[in-house]
Amino acid sequence: MRALLQRVTDASVTVDGETISRIGPGLLAFVCAMPDDTEATAEALAAKVAKLRLFKDEAGKMNRSLPQTGGSALVVSQFTLAADTSRGTRPGFSYAAKPDEANHLYEHFATHLATLGIPTQKGRFGADMSVALTNDGPVTIWLDTQT
């Protein structure tokens, strides 16, 4: 699985003009399931996200994890993280998991993150979403379980 994390002061997802999820301080996690991913992969990635020390301590150093700050997570499925741009100018997406499996692993990732004590909101799988965020820092981290 792949994830692009952004530390945010706030983030929201809107579908068809309706805001379906919103968080305050925390992490916006764009996630993409790959063909060989499993529930175990989703759980490992969620655990990594929960443990990453991306938030400032009293000294201003990135030394605190999401659970230590009481922040939330907004999880958004984004198959374009699997883009293959090695040929031509139009990305290919054959490296992304098939939609049914991708949805299952996306939901499993979000559920597991919540079981780790992180208040978790989600986007809507497969929907045309508008994602709004205020990047804090800016801090943006790329995670890939395949490397």
N, C-alpha and C. Protein backbone atom coordinates (compact mmCIF):
# COMPACT_ATOMS: atom_id res chain seq x y z
N MET A 1 0.85 -1.18 0.00
CA MET A 1 0.00 0.00 0.00
C MET A 1 0.88 1.23 0.00
N ARG A 2 0.30 2.27 -0.49
CA ARG A 2 0.99 3.56 -0.49
C ARG A 2 0.13 4.56 0.25
N ALA A 3 0.81 5.49 0.89
CA ALA A 3 0.09 6.57 1.57
C ALA A 3 0.88 7.86 1.42
N LEU A 4 0.16 8.92 1.21
CA LEU A 4 0.73 10.25 1.23
C LEU A 4 0.07 10.96 2.41
N LEU A 5 0.89 11.30 3.41
CA LEU A 5 0.39 11.91 4.63
C LEU A 5 0.68 13.40 4.61
N GLN A 6 -0.29 14.18 5.03
CA GLN A 6 -0.08 15.61 5.19
C GLN A 6 -0.55 15.99 6.59
N ARG A 7 0.37 16.63 7.33
CA ARG A 7 0.00 17.15 8.64
C ARG A 7 -0.86 18.38 8.39
N VAL A 8 -2.04 18.42 9.00
CA VAL A 8 -2.98 19.49 8.72
C VAL A 8 -3.49 20.15 10.00
N THR A 9 -3.91 21.40 9.86
CA THR A 9 -4.63 22.06 10.95
C THR A 9 -6.12 21.80 10.79
N ASP A 10 -6.55 21.51 9.55
CA ASP A 10 -7.93 21.12 9.27
C ASP A 10 -7.98 20.53 7.87
N ALA A 11 -8.98 19.68 7.64
CA ALA A 11 -9.18 19.09 6.32
C ALA A 11 -10.63 18.63 6.22
N SER A 12 -11.13 18.59 4.99
CA SER A 12 -12.50 18.14 4.79
C SER A 12 -12.65 17.52 3.40
N VAL A 13 -13.71 16.73 3.25
CA VAL A 13 -14.06 16.12 1.97
C VAL A 13 -15.50 16.49 1.64
N THR A 14 -15.69 16.96 0.41
CA THR A 14 -17.02 17.32 -0.07
C THR A 14 -17.33 16.47 -1.30
N VAL A 15 -18.54 15.93 -1.34
CA VAL A 15 -19.03 15.15 -2.47
C VAL A 15 -20.38 15.73 -2.88
N ASP A 16 -20.52 16.07 -4.15
CA ASP A 16 -21.77 16.63 -4.68
C ASP A 16 -22.26 17.81 -3.85
N GLY A 17 -21.34 18.67 -3.44
CA GLY A 17 -21.70 19.88 -2.70
C GLY A 17 -21.96 19.68 -1.22
N GLU A 18 -21.86 18.45 -0.73
CA GLU A 18 -22.11 18.15 0.68
C GLU A 18 -20.80 17.74 1.36
N THR A 19 -20.47 18.40 2.47
CA THR A 19 -19.29 18.02 3.25
C THR A 19 -19.62 16.73 3.99
N ILE A 20 -18.88 15.67 3.66
CA ILE A 20 -19.17 14.35 4.27
C ILE A 20 -18.24 14.02 5.42
N SER A 21 -17.11 14.73 5.52
CA SER A 21 -16.19 14.49 6.64
C SER A 21 -15.33 15.71 6.84
N ARG A 22 -14.91 15.89 8.10
CA ARG A 22 -14.10 17.06 8.45
C ARG A 22 -13.30 16.72 9.70
N ILE A 23 -12.04 17.15 9.73
CA ILE A 23 -11.23 17.01 10.94
C ILE A 23 -10.56 18.34 11.26
N GLY A 24 -10.14 18.46 12.50
CA GLY A 24 -9.29 19.57 12.92
C GLY A 24 -7.85 19.12 12.80
N PRO A 25 -7.00 19.49 13.75
CA PRO A 25 -5.59 19.12 13.66
C PRO A 25 -5.38 17.60 13.58
N GLY A 26 -4.47 17.20 12.71
CA GLY A 26 -4.18 15.78 12.55
C GLY A 26 -3.50 15.47 11.25
N LEU A 27 -3.88 14.34 10.66
CA LEU A 27 -3.28 13.88 9.41
C LEU A 27 -4.35 13.63 8.36
N LEU A 28 -4.07 14.11 7.16
CA LEU A 28 -4.83 13.72 5.98
C LEU A 28 -4.03 12.62 5.33
N ALA A 29 -4.63 11.45 5.18
CA ALA A 29 -3.94 10.30 4.61
C ALA A 29 -4.59 9.89 3.31
N PHE A 30 -3.90 10.12 2.19
CA PHE A 30 -4.34 9.61 0.90
C PHE A 30 -3.75 8.20 0.80
N VAL A 31 -4.58 7.19 0.55
CA VAL A 31 -4.10 5.81 0.52
C VAL A 31 -4.46 5.13 -0.79
N CYS A 32 -3.58 4.22 -1.20
CA CYS A 32 -3.76 3.47 -2.44
C CYS A 32 -3.37 2.02 -2.20
N ALA A 33 -4.28 1.11 -2.50
CA ALA A 33 -3.99 -0.31 -2.41
C ALA A 33 -3.37 -0.78 -3.73
N MET A 34 -2.40 -1.68 -3.59
CA MET A 34 -1.71 -2.24 -4.75
C MET A 34 -2.15 -3.71 -4.89
N PRO A 35 -1.94 -4.34 -6.06
CA PRO A 35 -2.46 -5.68 -6.30
C PRO A 35 -2.05 -6.75 -5.28
N ASP A 36 -0.85 -6.70 -4.73
CA ASP A 36 -0.40 -7.74 -3.81
C ASP A 36 -0.70 -7.43 -2.34
N ASP A 37 -1.39 -6.35 -2.06
CA ASP A 37 -1.67 -5.97 -0.68
C ASP A 37 -2.72 -6.88 -0.05
N THR A 38 -2.64 -6.99 1.27
CA THR A 38 -3.56 -7.82 2.05
C THR A 38 -4.05 -7.01 3.25
N GLU A 39 -4.94 -7.61 4.02
CA GLU A 39 -5.38 -6.96 5.26
C GLU A 39 -4.20 -6.71 6.18
N ALA A 40 -3.26 -7.65 6.20
CA ALA A 40 -2.06 -7.48 7.04
C ALA A 40 -1.25 -6.26 6.59
N THR A 41 -1.18 -6.04 5.29
CA THR A 41 -0.48 -4.86 4.76
C THR A 41 -1.18 -3.59 5.23
N ALA A 42 -2.50 -3.57 5.14
CA ALA A 42 -3.28 -2.40 5.57
C ALA A 42 -3.07 -2.13 7.06
N GLU A 43 -3.06 -3.18 7.86
CA GLU A 43 -2.86 -3.03 9.30
C GLU A 43 -1.45 -2.52 9.62
N ALA A 44 -0.46 -3.02 8.92
CA ALA A 44 0.92 -2.57 9.14
C ALA A 44 1.07 -1.10 8.78
N LEU A 45 0.46 -0.70 7.68
CA LEU A 45 0.54 0.70 7.27
C LEU A 45 -0.18 1.60 8.28
N ALA A 46 -1.34 1.17 8.75
CA ALA A 46 -2.07 1.95 9.76
C ALA A 46 -1.25 2.09 11.04
N ALA A 47 -0.60 1.01 11.46
CA ALA A 47 0.23 1.07 12.66
C ALA A 47 1.40 2.03 12.48
N LYS A 48 1.99 2.03 11.30
CA LYS A 48 3.09 2.94 11.01
C LYS A 48 2.62 4.39 11.06
N VAL A 49 1.47 4.66 10.46
CA VAL A 49 0.90 6.01 10.46
C VAL A 49 0.66 6.46 11.90
N ALA A 50 0.12 5.58 12.71
CA ALA A 50 -0.19 5.93 14.11
C ALA A 50 1.07 6.22 14.92
N LYS A 51 2.17 5.59 14.59
CA LYS A 51 3.40 5.72 15.38
C LYS A 51 4.33 6.83 14.90
N LEU A 52 4.13 7.29 13.67
CA LEU A 52 5.04 8.31 13.13
C LEU A 52 5.01 9.57 13.99
N ARG A 53 6.18 10.05 14.31
CA ARG A 53 6.29 11.27 15.13
C ARG A 53 6.42 12.47 14.20
N LEU A 54 5.27 13.04 13.85
CA LEU A 54 5.21 14.15 12.90
C LEU A 54 4.74 15.45 13.53
N PHE A 55 4.49 15.42 14.84
CA PHE A 55 3.93 16.59 15.51
C PHE A 55 4.93 17.14 16.52
N LYS A 56 4.88 18.45 16.69
CA LYS A 56 5.85 19.15 17.53
C LYS A 56 5.64 18.89 19.02
N ASP A 57 6.77 18.79 19.72
CA ASP A 57 6.75 18.73 21.18
C ASP A 57 6.95 20.15 21.72
N GLU A 58 7.17 20.27 23.04
CA GLU A 58 7.34 21.58 23.66
C GLU A 58 8.55 22.34 23.10
N ALA A 59 9.55 21.60 22.63
CA ALA A 59 10.76 22.22 22.09
C ALA A 59 10.63 22.55 20.60
N GLY A 60 9.49 22.25 20.03
CA GLY A 60 9.28 22.54 18.61
C GLY A 60 9.82 21.48 17.68
N LYS A 61 10.24 20.32 18.21
CA LYS A 61 10.76 19.23 17.37
C LYS A 61 9.64 18.26 17.03
N MET A 62 9.70 17.67 15.84
CA MET A 62 8.72 16.65 15.47
C MET A 62 9.03 15.40 16.28
N ASN A 63 8.33 15.26 17.39
CA ASN A 63 8.65 14.20 18.33
C ASN A 63 7.40 13.53 18.90
N ARG A 64 6.22 13.91 18.41
CA ARG A 64 4.98 13.33 18.93
C ARG A 64 4.19 12.67 17.80
N SER A 65 3.53 11.58 18.17
CA SER A 65 2.68 10.85 17.23
C SER A 65 1.26 11.39 17.29
N LEU A 66 0.45 10.96 16.36
CA LEU A 66 -0.94 11.39 16.30
C LEU A 66 -1.70 11.07 17.60
N PRO A 67 -1.59 9.85 18.14
CA PRO A 67 -2.30 9.58 19.39
C PRO A 67 -1.82 10.46 20.56
N GLN A 68 -0.56 10.82 20.56
CA GLN A 68 -0.02 11.66 21.64
C GLN A 68 -0.56 13.08 21.59
N THR A 69 -1.02 13.52 20.43
CA THR A 69 -1.53 14.88 20.30
C THR A 69 -3.04 14.95 20.41
N GLY A 70 -3.72 13.80 20.35
CA GLY A 70 -5.17 13.80 20.35
C GLY A 70 -5.76 14.22 19.02
N GLY A 71 -4.94 14.21 17.98
CA GLY A 71 -5.40 14.60 16.65
C GLY A 71 -6.23 13.52 15.98
N SER A 72 -6.78 13.87 14.85
CA SER A 72 -7.64 12.97 14.07
C SER A 72 -6.99 12.63 12.74
N ALA A 73 -7.58 11.67 12.05
CA ALA A 73 -7.13 11.30 10.71
C ALA A 73 -8.31 11.38 9.75
N LEU A 74 -8.04 11.89 8.57
CA LEU A 74 -9.00 11.86 7.47
C LEU A 74 -8.37 10.99 6.39
N VAL A 75 -9.01 9.87 6.09
CA VAL A 75 -8.48 8.88 5.15
C VAL A 75 -9.24 8.98 3.84
N VAL A 76 -8.49 9.19 2.75
CA VAL A 76 -9.08 9.37 1.42
C VAL A 76 -8.42 8.38 0.47
N SER A 77 -9.23 7.59 -0.21
CA SER A 77 -8.71 6.66 -1.21
C SER A 77 -8.24 7.44 -2.43
N GLN A 78 -7.04 7.10 -2.92
CA GLN A 78 -6.51 7.81 -4.09
C GLN A 78 -5.69 6.85 -4.95
N PHE A 79 -6.36 6.23 -5.92
CA PHE A 79 -5.69 5.25 -6.78
C PHE A 79 -4.59 5.88 -7.62
N THR A 80 -4.61 7.19 -7.81
CA THR A 80 -3.59 7.84 -8.63
C THR A 80 -2.21 7.79 -8.00
N LEU A 81 -2.11 7.38 -6.74
CA LEU A 81 -0.78 7.19 -6.13
C LEU A 81 -0.05 6.01 -6.79
N ALA A 82 -0.78 5.21 -7.55
CA ALA A 82 -0.18 4.07 -8.25
C ALA A 82 0.15 4.41 -9.70
N ALA A 83 0.15 5.68 -10.05
CA ALA A 83 0.37 6.09 -11.44
C ALA A 83 1.71 5.61 -11.97
N ASP A 84 1.68 5.08 -13.18
CA ASP A 84 2.89 4.71 -13.90
C ASP A 84 3.09 5.78 -14.98
N THR A 85 4.16 6.54 -14.82
CA THR A 85 4.44 7.63 -15.77
C THR A 85 5.70 7.33 -16.58
N SER A 86 6.08 6.07 -16.65
CA SER A 86 7.34 5.71 -17.31
C SER A 86 7.25 5.79 -18.84
N ARG A 87 6.03 5.76 -19.39
CA ARG A 87 5.88 5.81 -20.85
C ARG A 87 4.90 6.90 -21.22
N GLY A 88 5.26 7.73 -22.14
CA GLY A 88 4.35 8.73 -22.66
C GLY A 88 4.00 9.81 -21.66
N THR A 89 2.89 10.47 -21.92
CA THR A 89 2.47 11.59 -21.07
C THR A 89 1.13 11.34 -20.40
N ARG A 90 0.52 10.17 -20.61
CA ARG A 90 -0.72 9.82 -19.95
C ARG A 90 -0.43 8.71 -18.94
N PRO A 91 -0.67 8.97 -17.66
CA PRO A 91 -0.36 7.95 -16.65
C PRO A 91 -1.21 6.70 -16.84
N GLY A 92 -0.61 5.56 -16.50
CA GLY A 92 -1.33 4.30 -16.45
C GLY A 92 -1.56 3.92 -14.99
N PHE A 93 -2.61 3.15 -14.73
CA PHE A 93 -2.96 2.82 -13.35
C PHE A 93 -3.06 1.32 -13.12
N SER A 94 -2.36 0.53 -13.93
CA SER A 94 -2.41 -0.92 -13.78
C SER A 94 -1.74 -1.40 -12.49
N TYR A 95 -0.98 -0.54 -11.84
CA TYR A 95 -0.33 -0.93 -10.58
C TYR A 95 -1.26 -0.78 -9.37
N ALA A 96 -2.45 -0.22 -9.57
CA ALA A 96 -3.42 -0.10 -8.48
C ALA A 96 -4.23 -1.39 -8.37
N ALA A 97 -4.68 -1.70 -7.16
CA ALA A 97 -5.53 -2.87 -6.96
C ALA A 97 -6.87 -2.67 -7.67
N LYS A 98 -7.52 -3.75 -8.01
CA LYS A 98 -8.85 -3.69 -8.63
C LYS A 98 -9.82 -3.03 -7.64
N PRO A 99 -10.84 -2.33 -8.14
CA PRO A 99 -11.71 -1.54 -7.27
C PRO A 99 -12.30 -2.27 -6.06
N ASP A 100 -12.83 -3.48 -6.23
CA ASP A 100 -13.44 -4.18 -5.09
C ASP A 100 -12.42 -4.45 -3.99
N GLU A 101 -11.26 -4.93 -4.39
CA GLU A 101 -10.21 -5.22 -3.40
C GLU A 101 -9.66 -3.93 -2.80
N ALA A 102 -9.49 -2.92 -3.64
CA ALA A 102 -8.99 -1.63 -3.16
C ALA A 102 -9.93 -1.03 -2.11
N ASN A 103 -11.23 -1.10 -2.36
CA ASN A 103 -12.21 -0.58 -1.42
C ASN A 103 -12.13 -1.35 -0.10
N HIS A 104 -12.05 -2.66 -0.18
CA HIS A 104 -11.96 -3.48 1.03
C HIS A 104 -10.72 -3.09 1.85
N LEU A 105 -9.58 -2.95 1.20
CA LEU A 105 -8.34 -2.62 1.91
C LEU A 105 -8.34 -1.19 2.43
N TYR A 106 -8.94 -0.27 1.70
CA TYR A 106 -9.10 1.11 2.15
C TYR A 106 -9.93 1.14 3.43
N GLU A 107 -11.06 0.45 3.41
CA GLU A 107 -11.94 0.39 4.59
C GLU A 107 -11.21 -0.28 5.76
N HIS A 108 -10.48 -1.34 5.47
CA HIS A 108 -9.75 -2.05 6.52
C HIS A 108 -8.68 -1.15 7.14
N PHE A 109 -7.96 -0.41 6.31
CA PHE A 109 -6.96 0.53 6.80
C PHE A 109 -7.60 1.55 7.75
N ALA A 110 -8.70 2.17 7.31
CA ALA A 110 -9.36 3.19 8.13
C ALA A 110 -9.90 2.60 9.43
N THR A 111 -10.49 1.42 9.36
CA THR A 111 -11.01 0.76 10.56
C THR A 111 -9.89 0.44 11.53
N HIS A 112 -8.78 -0.06 11.01
CA HIS A 112 -7.66 -0.41 11.88
C HIS A 112 -7.06 0.84 12.53
N LEU A 113 -6.97 1.91 11.80
CA LEU A 113 -6.48 3.17 12.35
C LEU A 113 -7.37 3.59 13.53
N ALA A 114 -8.66 3.45 13.36
CA ALA A 114 -9.61 3.80 14.43
C ALA A 114 -9.43 2.88 15.65
N THR A 115 -9.15 1.59 15.41
CA THR A 115 -8.96 0.68 16.54
C THR A 115 -7.68 0.99 17.31
N LEU A 116 -6.79 1.75 16.70
CA LEU A 116 -5.56 2.17 17.37
C LEU A 116 -5.79 3.44 18.20
N GLY A 117 -7.04 3.85 18.31
CA GLY A 117 -7.39 4.98 19.16
C GLY A 117 -7.38 6.33 18.48
N ILE A 118 -7.33 6.33 17.17
CA ILE A 118 -7.29 7.60 16.42
C ILE A 118 -8.68 7.90 15.87
N PRO A 119 -9.27 9.04 16.26
CA PRO A 119 -10.55 9.41 15.66
C PRO A 119 -10.37 9.52 14.14
N THR A 120 -11.16 8.75 13.40
CA THR A 120 -10.94 8.62 11.96
C THR A 120 -12.19 8.95 11.17
N GLN A 121 -12.04 9.83 10.19
CA GLN A 121 -13.07 10.15 9.23
C GLN A 121 -12.60 9.62 7.87
N LYS A 122 -13.54 9.49 6.92
CA LYS A 122 -13.18 8.96 5.61
C LYS A 122 -13.80 9.79 4.50
N GLY A 123 -13.18 9.65 3.33
CA GLY A 123 -13.79 10.13 2.11
C GLY A 123 -14.77 9.08 1.64
N ARG A 124 -15.20 9.16 0.38
CA ARG A 124 -16.11 8.17 -0.18
C ARG A 124 -15.41 7.48 -1.34
N PHE A 125 -15.17 6.20 -1.19
CA PHE A 125 -14.44 5.44 -2.20
C PHE A 125 -15.11 5.57 -3.56
N GLY A 126 -14.32 5.88 -4.57
CA GLY A 126 -14.79 5.94 -5.94
C GLY A 126 -15.54 7.20 -6.31
N ALA A 127 -15.77 8.08 -5.34
CA ALA A 127 -16.52 9.31 -5.63
C ALA A 127 -15.59 10.38 -6.18
N ASP A 128 -16.18 11.34 -6.87
CA ASP A 128 -15.45 12.53 -7.30
C ASP A 128 -15.49 13.48 -6.11
N MET A 129 -14.38 13.56 -5.39
CA MET A 129 -14.32 14.30 -4.14
C MET A 129 -13.55 15.61 -4.30
N SER A 130 -13.97 16.59 -3.53
CA SER A 130 -13.18 17.82 -3.37
C SER A 130 -12.58 17.73 -1.97
N VAL A 131 -11.25 17.76 -1.92
CA VAL A 131 -10.54 17.66 -0.65
C VAL A 131 -9.92 19.02 -0.34
N ALA A 132 -10.29 19.57 0.79
CA ALA A 132 -9.73 20.85 1.23
C ALA A 132 -8.85 20.59 2.45
N LEU A 133 -7.72 21.29 2.51
CA LEU A 133 -6.83 21.10 3.64
C LEU A 133 -5.99 22.34 3.87
N THR A 134 -5.56 22.48 5.10
CA THR A 134 -4.55 23.47 5.43
C THR A 134 -3.35 22.68 5.92
N ASN A 135 -2.32 22.61 5.07
CA ASN A 135 -1.12 21.85 5.40
C ASN A 135 -0.37 22.60 6.49
N ASP A 136 0.01 21.90 7.53
CA ASP A 136 0.69 22.48 8.68
C ASP A 136 2.18 22.19 8.57
N GLY A 137 2.96 23.21 8.36
CA GLY A 137 4.42 23.05 8.32
C GLY A 137 5.07 23.72 7.13
N PRO A 138 4.88 23.27 5.94
CA PRO A 138 4.16 22.08 5.52
C PRO A 138 4.93 20.80 5.83
N VAL A 139 4.19 19.78 6.20
CA VAL A 139 4.76 18.46 6.43
C VAL A 139 4.01 17.48 5.55
N THR A 140 4.72 16.83 4.63
CA THR A 140 4.15 15.84 3.73
C THR A 140 5.11 14.65 3.70
N ILE A 141 4.57 13.45 3.95
CA ILE A 141 5.40 12.23 4.05
C ILE A 141 4.82 11.16 3.12
N TRP A 142 5.70 10.48 2.39
CA TRP A 142 5.33 9.39 1.48
C TRP A 142 5.69 8.08 2.17
N LEU A 143 4.73 7.15 2.21
CA LEU A 143 4.97 5.82 2.75
C LEU A 143 4.63 4.79 1.68
N ASP A 144 5.44 3.75 1.58
CA ASP A 144 5.18 2.68 0.62
C ASP A 144 5.59 1.38 1.29
N THR A 145 4.66 0.46 1.47
CA THR A 145 4.96 -0.80 2.14
C THR A 145 5.78 -1.73 1.25
N GLN A 146 5.91 -1.43 -0.04
CA GLN A 146 6.63 -2.29 -0.97
C GLN A 146 8.13 -2.01 -1.01
N THR A 147 8.56 -0.92 -0.35
CA THR A 147 9.99 -0.60 -0.38
C THR A 147 10.63 -0.80 0.96
